[in-house]
Each structure stands twice: as C-alpha cells, then as structure tokens.
C-alpha cells in the first residue's frame, strides 16, 4: 500500500485524538494531558461522522485512536466498531495504566482494533517510570502480554531524547522479547510538556539513525522513525544508492499524515499544532486535499534553507513539526538533521551553526 499511496489524495496515517484525558502526567506528553475530559470533545455522533468521512479516503484507510488515553471515553468500543464497519483499519495507542486490563484489551480486539501501540521509554521499571513520571511499566508489560493473548499485533513506541538515548539497546531487547511487529522510534519535538526535555544533538541523531538501520536488518520486527525522516537519507547514503533519491518520500506532517484533535481541529501532525480547519465545518478529506497548509507541506520544492537545497528532499523533507516548533515556520530546515548539501552556503539552524559538541557515539558503543 505504501508504494502505491498518492499522498496528495490520502494520508497513510490519520490520527484522531479522541480525548486529552489521561490518568498519567508524562513529562514528554505532546497533549499536556489532564485527568478530566474536555467539554468540547467530539461527541459520539460527531466522531462517527468523522470516521464516515475518513472512509472516503479509500479502502482500508488506517485510523489511529490516540489521546490522552482513549480508554477515558466510555463510547470507545462503539467508535471502534463503527470505524471497523466502515472498512477502516482501526488501531489504538492506549496509556499504560491499570485500566488497560486483559479484559479491556480483548474487548478492543473483538470490537475491531487491528493493532495496539504501547509506549516503552526504558527497559526497566526504574528507567521507564522515572522518565514518564508515573508508575506504568508493569501495566505496559501486562497490556503487551494481553495483546498477544488477544491476537493483536503489538507496536512499541519509544521517545528519543538525551535522557533515553543510552537506553535504546536495552529497549530494543525488550521490543524483541515482547514479540512486537514494529518499533516506532520517536525523536523529541519540543511541544507540550516535552519542551522541558533535552533533545540529542544532530551528530548523535545521525549515529542513532545508522544504528537503527542495523537493528532493522538484524531483528525480526520492523523499525520506523517518527519526526526524523532523514532516517531514509541515512539509509540511502549507507547503501550507496543515491540514484534512489528521486523516489517518492516517506511520511511527514501533512504529506501522508494528518491529525484531528479532540475538539475537531485538523493539523498536519499532533506535533505541528497549526489548524487547517475544523471537521465541524469541513470534512477531513477536503481539509487534507484542498487547504494551503497541507498542500504546501506536500511540495518539497517549497522547503526553505538547507532542506530546500537538499538533494534528498523528495525522500526526506525533514521534520516539519520540529521546524515549526523551533522557528514558527513549518517550511524551514529541520534543526536535528546534520547533513549540509554540497555547495550550500546559506543560513544553518542554530544547532548546526553553533557546533554542538556532544558525543556522536552510537547507542551500542559499549556493546
């Protein structure tokens, strides 16, 4: 499906933040989640209309129910079943709390959930719970086992920042032991509560990308990066396959990716909170296909700075969310990518112009 996807017409991934309510208060939370539900959340009927509209993207549209914690909604199973009835591929990213019992996981599978994604930001209880600021490690492992018992494919999401980067090899081992089908490695964007965390410097990010390519080649699970599309550039360079740079690119904010907030605002990504419209007024299909913001993000030739000059812009394009978070312009250069195109003499992001001097070793340097 990915190879044939026309990202001008439909996203590979549509995320619906069904609520911002959550019993956790993780330090990196994009949503700055709170315990109580917002009074202006999409209602059950409004949510069903959103799912009806999403089905118009085409057969098998992937929908991720996100939060907050989706389990905070008492109509969740009804929404899942409705989306499944519309032919949507319904998946979910619940929080690792005590409410995610084996019975709830089985109910989700029965309602039509096709995959469950759980967050793991440390390989041990101490490291994971310290990072998240809550006790969720044991609940997450129990939910992972319940997903296996229910026949649900498991995805593990991990945040990469200065506090977690050295833990990646041990988390990789956990991902393998849990039988996950995919490891989604998210590189911090400073939004929400994540603004208080320290990102890794660009040189270290490059080394992590190289290491992740090795993981993808040697492990039984897949590896994808989130908000770090230069993972594709690193892979092409390591393969010596520069002839492939004209291939269609990966999924980035607004280009194969869309996000609907709990109140119906449509964003290119949850990490790029600039609204292109509200689903109360326009269908998500119309917003995705026909608004200036989304259209600009799908045109690599409109990128600025070194991203705009880069010969890999078609297959990478940089994190538009990180560009927006750091400059206020989603078309500016991604400050996490250290690559400078040959002959480029324009302005560089501050992270590169300042010459960050942190370690460039891979996570496995001590292995």
Protein backbone atom coordinates (compact mmCIF):
# COMPACT_ATOMS: atom_id res chain seq x y z
CA UNK A 1 0.00 0.00 0.00
CA UNK A 2 2.79 2.43 0.87
CA UNK A 3 4.46 2.17 -2.56
CA UNK A 4 1.17 2.92 -4.35
CA UNK A 5 -0.05 5.63 -1.97
CA UNK A 6 -0.85 9.00 -3.53
CA UNK A 7 -0.20 11.32 -0.59
CA UNK A 8 -1.88 14.19 -2.44
CA UNK A 9 -5.15 12.28 -2.14
CA UNK A 10 -4.96 10.44 1.17
CA UNK A 11 -2.80 10.03 4.24
CA UNK A 12 -1.16 6.75 5.12
CA UNK A 13 -1.95 7.57 8.77
CA UNK A 14 -4.91 9.52 10.14
CA UNK A 15 -4.74 10.05 13.88
CA UNK A 16 -7.80 11.04 15.87
CA UNK A 17 -7.07 12.32 19.35
CA UNK A 18 -10.34 11.10 20.83
CA UNK A 19 -9.62 12.77 24.18
CA UNK A 20 -6.87 14.57 26.06
CA UNK A 21 -7.95 12.99 29.34
CA UNK A 22 -5.40 10.63 30.86
CA UNK A 23 -4.57 9.26 34.29
CA UNK A 24 -0.85 9.77 33.63
CA UNK A 25 1.10 13.03 33.51
CA UNK A 26 4.15 12.03 31.47
CA UNK A 27 6.88 14.64 31.22
CA UNK A 28 7.11 14.41 27.42
CA UNK A 29 3.35 14.47 26.72
CA UNK A 30 2.54 16.34 23.50
CA UNK A 31 -1.07 16.83 24.62
CA UNK A 32 -0.24 18.11 28.12
CA UNK A 33 -2.94 15.64 29.16
CA UNK A 34 -5.11 16.13 32.23
CA UNK A 35 -7.37 13.77 34.20
CA UNK A 36 -10.70 15.32 33.14
CA UNK A 37 -12.27 15.16 29.70
CA UNK A 38 -12.76 18.40 27.78
CA UNK A 39 -16.40 19.51 27.44
CA UNK A 40 -15.91 20.29 23.72
CA UNK A 41 -14.63 16.87 22.69
CA UNK A 42 -16.25 15.43 19.59
CA UNK A 43 -19.41 13.63 20.67
CA UNK A 44 -20.15 10.03 19.77
CA UNK A 45 -22.20 11.07 16.75
CA UNK A 46 -19.64 13.66 15.65
CA UNK A 47 -16.92 11.04 15.97
CA UNK A 48 -18.91 8.61 13.84
CA UNK A 49 -19.31 11.30 11.17
CA UNK A 50 -15.54 11.84 11.23
CA UNK A 51 -15.00 8.10 10.72
CA UNK A 52 -17.57 8.09 7.91
CA UNK A 53 -15.67 10.92 6.23
CA UNK A 54 -12.33 9.16 6.76
CA UNK A 55 -13.65 6.14 4.88
CA UNK A 56 -13.97 8.38 1.80
CA UNK A 57 -10.17 8.50 1.55
CA UNK A 58 -10.38 4.96 0.20
CA UNK A 59 -10.39 1.31 1.12
CA UNK A 60 -8.58 0.31 4.27
CA UNK A 61 -7.74 3.80 5.50
CA UNK A 62 -5.59 3.50 8.63
CA UNK A 63 -7.00 5.33 11.66
CA UNK A 64 -5.13 5.59 14.95
CA UNK A 65 -7.20 6.38 18.04
CA UNK A 66 -4.94 8.41 20.28
CA UNK A 67 -5.04 10.64 23.33
CA UNK A 68 -4.61 11.37 26.17
CA UNK A 69 -5.82 7.90 26.91
CA UNK A 70 -8.56 6.71 24.53
CA UNK A 71 -9.86 4.42 27.27
CA UNK A 72 -11.09 7.53 29.11
CA UNK A 73 -14.04 7.58 26.66
CA UNK A 74 -16.91 5.31 27.62
CA UNK A 75 -18.03 5.12 23.98
CA UNK A 76 -14.68 3.87 22.73
CA UNK A 77 -15.82 0.37 21.75
CA UNK A 78 -18.80 1.84 19.90
CA UNK A 79 -16.48 4.11 17.92
CA UNK A 80 -14.07 1.28 17.15
CA UNK A 81 -16.89 -0.96 15.91
CA UNK A 82 -18.31 1.86 13.78
CA UNK A 83 -14.96 2.53 12.13
CA UNK A 84 -14.46 -1.18 11.51
CA UNK A 85 -17.90 -1.37 9.90
CA UNK A 86 -16.86 1.44 7.53
CA UNK A 87 -13.86 -0.59 6.36
CA UNK A 88 -11.30 1.45 8.28
CA UNK A 89 -8.21 -0.22 9.74
CA UNK A 90 -8.69 0.79 13.35
CA UNK A 91 -5.66 0.89 15.66
CA UNK A 92 -5.10 2.37 19.10
CA UNK A 93 -2.44 3.89 21.36
CA UNK A 94 -3.74 3.48 24.93
CA UNK A 95 -1.88 4.63 28.02
CA UNK A 96 -0.17 2.03 30.18
CA UNK A 97 -2.47 2.34 33.16
CA UNK A 98 -4.27 -0.15 35.36
CA UNK A 99 -7.43 0.41 33.31
CA UNK A 100 -5.83 -1.42 30.38
CA UNK A 101 -6.78 -4.83 31.71
CA UNK A 102 -6.68 -8.07 29.69
CA UNK A 103 -10.47 -7.93 29.51
CA UNK A 104 -10.36 -4.40 28.02
CA UNK A 105 -7.74 -5.47 25.51
CA UNK A 106 -9.87 -8.44 24.46
CA UNK A 107 -12.92 -6.18 24.14
CA UNK A 108 -10.95 -3.84 21.87
CA UNK A 109 -9.87 -6.73 19.68
CA UNK A 110 -13.44 -8.01 19.48
CA UNK A 111 -14.70 -4.53 18.51
CA UNK A 112 -12.33 -4.35 15.55
CA UNK A 113 -8.95 -2.99 16.69
CA UNK A 114 -6.24 -4.30 14.33
CA UNK A 115 -3.09 -3.21 16.20
CA UNK A 116 -2.16 -1.81 19.60
CA UNK A 117 0.76 0.55 20.22
CA UNK A 118 2.25 0.89 23.70
CA UNK A 119 4.95 3.27 24.89
CA UNK A 120 8.18 1.97 26.41
CA UNK A 121 10.79 4.57 27.30
CA UNK A 122 13.03 2.43 29.47
CA UNK A 123 13.94 -1.25 29.61
CA UNK A 124 13.44 -1.47 33.37
CA UNK A 125 10.73 -0.31 35.75
CA UNK A 126 13.08 2.24 37.28
CA UNK A 127 14.14 3.84 33.98
CA UNK A 128 10.72 3.80 32.32
CA UNK A 129 8.77 5.08 35.31
CA UNK A 130 11.35 7.75 36.09
CA UNK A 131 11.17 9.12 32.57
CA UNK A 132 7.39 9.10 32.44
CA UNK A 133 7.00 10.40 35.99
CA UNK A 134 4.38 7.75 36.69
CA UNK A 135 4.26 4.06 37.57
CA UNK A 136 3.26 2.49 34.26
CA UNK A 137 5.98 -0.06 33.42
CA UNK A 138 4.26 -3.13 34.85
CA UNK A 139 0.88 -2.14 33.39
CA UNK A 140 2.51 -1.70 29.98
CA UNK A 141 4.11 -5.15 30.07
CA UNK A 142 0.84 -6.73 31.20
CA UNK A 143 -1.00 -4.99 28.37
CA UNK A 144 1.59 -6.22 25.88
CA UNK A 145 1.01 -9.79 27.06
CA UNK A 146 -2.75 -9.28 26.85
CA UNK A 147 -2.40 -8.03 23.27
CA UNK A 148 -0.52 -11.19 22.36
CA UNK A 149 -3.18 -13.35 24.01
CA UNK A 150 -5.89 -11.48 22.08
CA UNK A 151 -4.05 -11.93 18.78
CA UNK A 152 -3.38 -8.20 18.39
CA UNK A 153 -0.14 -7.20 16.65
CA UNK A 154 1.93 -5.06 19.02
CA UNK A 155 3.80 -1.87 18.24
CA UNK A 156 6.22 -0.29 20.73
CA UNK A 157 6.76 3.48 20.71
CA UNK A 158 9.92 4.97 22.26
CA UNK A 159 10.87 8.61 22.74
CA UNK A 160 14.49 9.51 21.98
CA UNK A 161 15.97 12.40 23.93
CA UNK A 162 19.11 13.00 25.99
CA UNK A 163 17.64 11.06 28.91
CA UNK A 164 16.71 7.93 26.95
CA UNK A 165 19.22 7.58 24.12
CA UNK A 166 21.68 5.38 26.00
CA UNK A 167 18.82 3.05 26.92
CA UNK A 168 17.96 2.23 23.30
CA UNK A 169 19.90 -1.06 23.06
CA UNK A 170 18.18 -2.41 26.16
CA UNK A 171 14.78 -1.24 24.92
CA UNK A 172 15.49 -2.95 21.60
CA UNK A 173 15.94 -6.19 23.51
CA UNK A 174 12.62 -5.65 25.26
CA UNK A 175 10.89 -5.00 21.95
CA UNK A 176 12.21 -8.31 20.67
CA UNK A 177 11.23 -10.19 23.82
CA UNK A 178 7.69 -8.77 23.69
CA UNK A 179 7.20 -10.10 20.17
CA UNK A 180 6.40 -6.66 18.73
CA UNK A 181 5.94 -6.34 14.99
CA UNK A 182 7.16 -2.74 14.84
CA UNK A 183 9.38 -0.39 16.85
CA UNK A 184 8.44 3.24 16.29
CA UNK A 185 11.31 5.42 17.47
CA UNK A 186 10.15 8.99 18.05
CA UNK A 187 12.69 11.81 18.10
CA UNK A 188 11.63 14.52 20.51
CA UNK A 189 9.82 17.61 19.24
CA UNK A 190 9.67 20.40 21.86
CA UNK A 191 5.89 20.75 22.19
CA UNK A 192 3.57 20.28 25.15
CA UNK A 193 5.35 19.08 28.27
CA UNK A 194 8.17 17.84 26.01
CA UNK A 195 9.56 21.39 25.99
CA UNK A 196 11.28 20.69 29.31
CA UNK A 197 13.29 17.75 27.92
CA UNK A 198 16.66 17.96 26.19
CA UNK A 199 16.93 16.66 22.63
CA UNK A 200 20.03 14.84 21.43
CA UNK A 201 22.39 16.88 19.21
CA UNK A 202 22.32 16.39 15.42
CA UNK A 203 25.57 14.40 15.25
CA UNK A 204 24.26 11.95 17.83
CA UNK A 205 20.97 11.67 15.95
CA UNK A 206 22.86 10.73 12.79
CA UNK A 207 24.69 7.97 14.66
CA UNK A 208 21.43 6.68 16.12
CA UNK A 209 19.95 6.55 12.60
CA UNK A 210 22.87 4.43 11.41
CA UNK A 211 22.44 2.13 14.41
CA UNK A 212 18.69 1.81 13.79
CA UNK A 213 19.34 0.68 10.22
CA UNK A 214 21.45 -2.10 11.66
CA UNK A 215 18.65 -3.00 14.06
CA UNK A 216 16.16 -3.15 11.19
CA UNK A 217 18.42 -5.55 9.29
CA UNK A 218 19.08 -7.87 12.22
CA UNK A 219 15.81 -8.01 14.18
CA UNK A 220 12.53 -9.80 13.42
CA UNK A 221 10.49 -6.60 13.94
CA UNK A 222 10.27 -3.57 11.68
CA UNK A 223 11.76 -0.19 12.58
CA UNK A 224 10.35 3.22 11.74
CA UNK A 225 11.26 6.68 12.89
CA UNK A 226 8.77 9.38 13.81
CA UNK A 227 9.66 13.07 13.27
CA UNK A 228 13.05 12.02 11.89
CA UNK A 229 12.59 11.37 8.15
CA UNK A 230 16.31 11.71 7.49
CA UNK A 231 16.43 8.08 8.57
CA UNK A 232 15.69 7.44 4.88
CA UNK A 233 18.56 9.66 3.73
CA UNK A 234 20.97 7.88 6.05
CA UNK A 235 19.83 4.53 4.68
CA UNK A 236 20.29 5.62 1.07
CA UNK A 237 23.75 7.00 1.76
CA UNK A 238 24.85 3.89 3.63
CA UNK A 239 23.68 1.76 0.69
CA UNK A 240 25.47 3.98 -1.78
CA UNK A 241 22.13 4.26 -3.57
CA UNK A 242 21.99 7.93 -4.46
CA UNK A 243 20.15 7.03 -7.64
CA UNK A 244 17.10 6.36 -5.48
CA UNK A 245 16.78 9.93 -4.27
CA UNK A 246 14.09 10.67 -6.83
CA UNK A 247 11.75 8.09 -5.36
CA UNK A 248 8.66 9.35 -3.56
CA UNK A 249 9.43 10.23 0.01
CA UNK A 250 8.41 8.97 3.36
CA UNK A 251 5.53 10.08 5.52
CA UNK A 252 5.81 13.52 7.14
CA UNK A 253 3.40 16.03 8.64
CA UNK A 254 0.77 16.88 6.05
CA UNK A 255 2.30 14.53 3.48
CA UNK A 256 0.74 11.17 4.16
CA UNK A 257 -0.09 12.13 7.74
CA UNK A 258 -2.99 14.02 9.31
CA UNK A 259 -4.24 14.59 12.84
CA UNK A 260 -7.65 15.53 14.22
CA UNK A 261 -7.67 16.98 17.72
CA UNK A 262 -10.16 16.16 20.46
CA UNK A 263 -12.13 19.29 19.54
CA UNK A 264 -12.04 18.64 15.78
CA UNK A 265 -9.15 20.84 14.67
CA UNK A 266 -7.25 19.30 11.73
CA UNK A 267 -3.47 19.54 11.97
CA UNK A 268 -0.72 18.18 9.73
CA UNK A 269 0.53 16.39 12.86
CA UNK A 270 -0.14 16.40 16.57
CA UNK A 271 3.34 17.86 16.91
CA UNK A 272 2.53 20.64 14.42
CA UNK A 273 -0.49 22.26 16.08
CA UNK A 274 -1.42 24.71 13.34
CA UNK A 275 -5.02 24.22 12.28
CA UNK A 276 -6.07 23.96 8.66
CA UNK A 277 -9.76 23.81 9.59
CA UNK A 278 -12.22 22.04 11.82
CA UNK A 279 -14.15 18.87 10.99
CA UNK A 280 -17.29 20.54 12.32
CA UNK A 281 -17.16 22.76 9.22
CA UNK A 282 -15.29 20.76 6.54
CA UNK A 283 -14.68 17.08 6.04
CA UNK A 284 -11.22 15.79 6.90
CA UNK A 285 -10.90 14.66 3.26
CA UNK A 286 -11.49 18.21 2.00
CA UNK A 287 -9.12 19.70 4.58
CA UNK A 288 -6.36 17.24 3.76
CA UNK A 289 -6.65 17.59 -0.01
CA UNK A 290 -7.54 21.23 -0.50
CA UNK A 291 -6.06 23.55 2.13
CA UNK A 292 -2.98 25.72 1.63
CA UNK A 293 -1.21 24.40 4.72
CA UNK A 294 -1.44 20.74 3.71
CA UNK A 295 -0.68 21.46 0.06
CA UNK A 296 2.45 23.43 0.96
CA UNK A 297 3.76 20.61 3.14
CA UNK A 298 3.36 18.15 0.26
CA UNK A 299 5.60 20.20 -2.04
CA UNK A 300 9.29 19.62 -1.23
CA UNK A 301 10.25 22.43 -3.60
CA UNK A 302 8.67 24.92 -1.18
CA UNK A 303 11.05 23.98 1.63
CA UNK A 304 13.48 26.64 2.81
CA UNK A 305 17.08 26.75 3.97
CA UNK A 306 19.26 23.69 3.62
CA UNK A 307 16.20 21.40 3.50
CA UNK A 308 15.07 23.26 0.37
CA UNK A 309 18.52 22.89 -1.21
CA UNK A 310 18.93 19.24 -0.26
CA UNK A 311 19.03 16.61 -3.00
CA UNK A 312 17.24 14.23 -0.59
CA UNK A 313 14.24 16.50 -0.06
CA UNK A 314 11.95 14.23 -2.10
CA UNK A 315 12.60 11.19 0.10
CA UNK A 316 13.17 13.01 3.39
CA UNK A 317 11.90 16.56 3.62
CA UNK A 318 12.87 16.97 7.27
CA UNK A 319 10.58 17.13 10.27
CA UNK A 320 8.10 19.88 9.52
CA UNK A 321 6.90 19.67 13.13
CA UNK A 322 10.34 20.33 14.58
CA UNK A 323 10.89 23.18 12.12
CA UNK A 324 7.61 24.74 13.25
CA UNK A 325 8.37 24.21 16.95
CA UNK A 326 11.79 25.85 16.71
CA UNK A 327 11.21 28.59 14.11
CA UNK A 328 7.44 29.08 13.82
CA UNK A 329 7.67 28.21 10.10
CA UNK A 330 6.85 24.62 9.10
CA UNK A 331 8.78 25.01 5.83
CA UNK A 332 12.11 25.89 7.45
CA UNK A 333 15.02 23.47 7.94
CA UNK A 334 14.87 20.61 10.40
CA UNK A 335 17.43 21.50 13.11
CA UNK A 336 18.00 17.84 14.06
CA UNK A 337 19.49 16.81 10.71
CA UNK A 338 23.25 17.49 10.47
CA UNK A 339 23.50 16.99 6.70
CA UNK A 340 24.54 20.07 4.70
CA UNK A 341 24.07 19.77 0.93
CA UNK A 342 27.22 20.18 -1.14
CA UNK A 343 27.67 23.77 -2.22
CA UNK A 344 25.05 25.13 0.20
CA UNK A 345 26.27 28.37 1.79
CA UNK A 346 23.04 29.70 3.26
CA UNK A 347 21.91 30.02 6.84
CA UNK A 348 22.12 26.95 9.08
CA UNK A 349 19.85 26.05 12.03
CA UNK A 350 21.28 27.20 15.34
CA UNK A 351 22.04 23.61 16.40
CA UNK A 352 24.49 23.31 13.50
CA UNK A 353 25.75 26.86 13.32
CA UNK A 354 26.62 26.67 17.00
CA UNK A 355 28.62 23.47 16.60
CA UNK A 356 27.08 21.17 19.22
CA UNK A 357 29.87 19.20 20.78
CA UNK A 358 28.09 16.29 22.42
CA UNK A 359 29.11 12.68 21.92
CA UNK A 360 28.50 11.21 18.47
CA UNK A 361 28.75 7.60 19.59
CA UNK A 362 26.04 5.12 18.71
CA UNK A 363 23.80 3.74 21.45
CA UNK A 364 25.65 0.43 21.12
CA UNK A 365 29.09 1.95 21.63
CA UNK A 366 29.61 -0.06 24.81
CA UNK A 367 28.22 -3.36 23.41
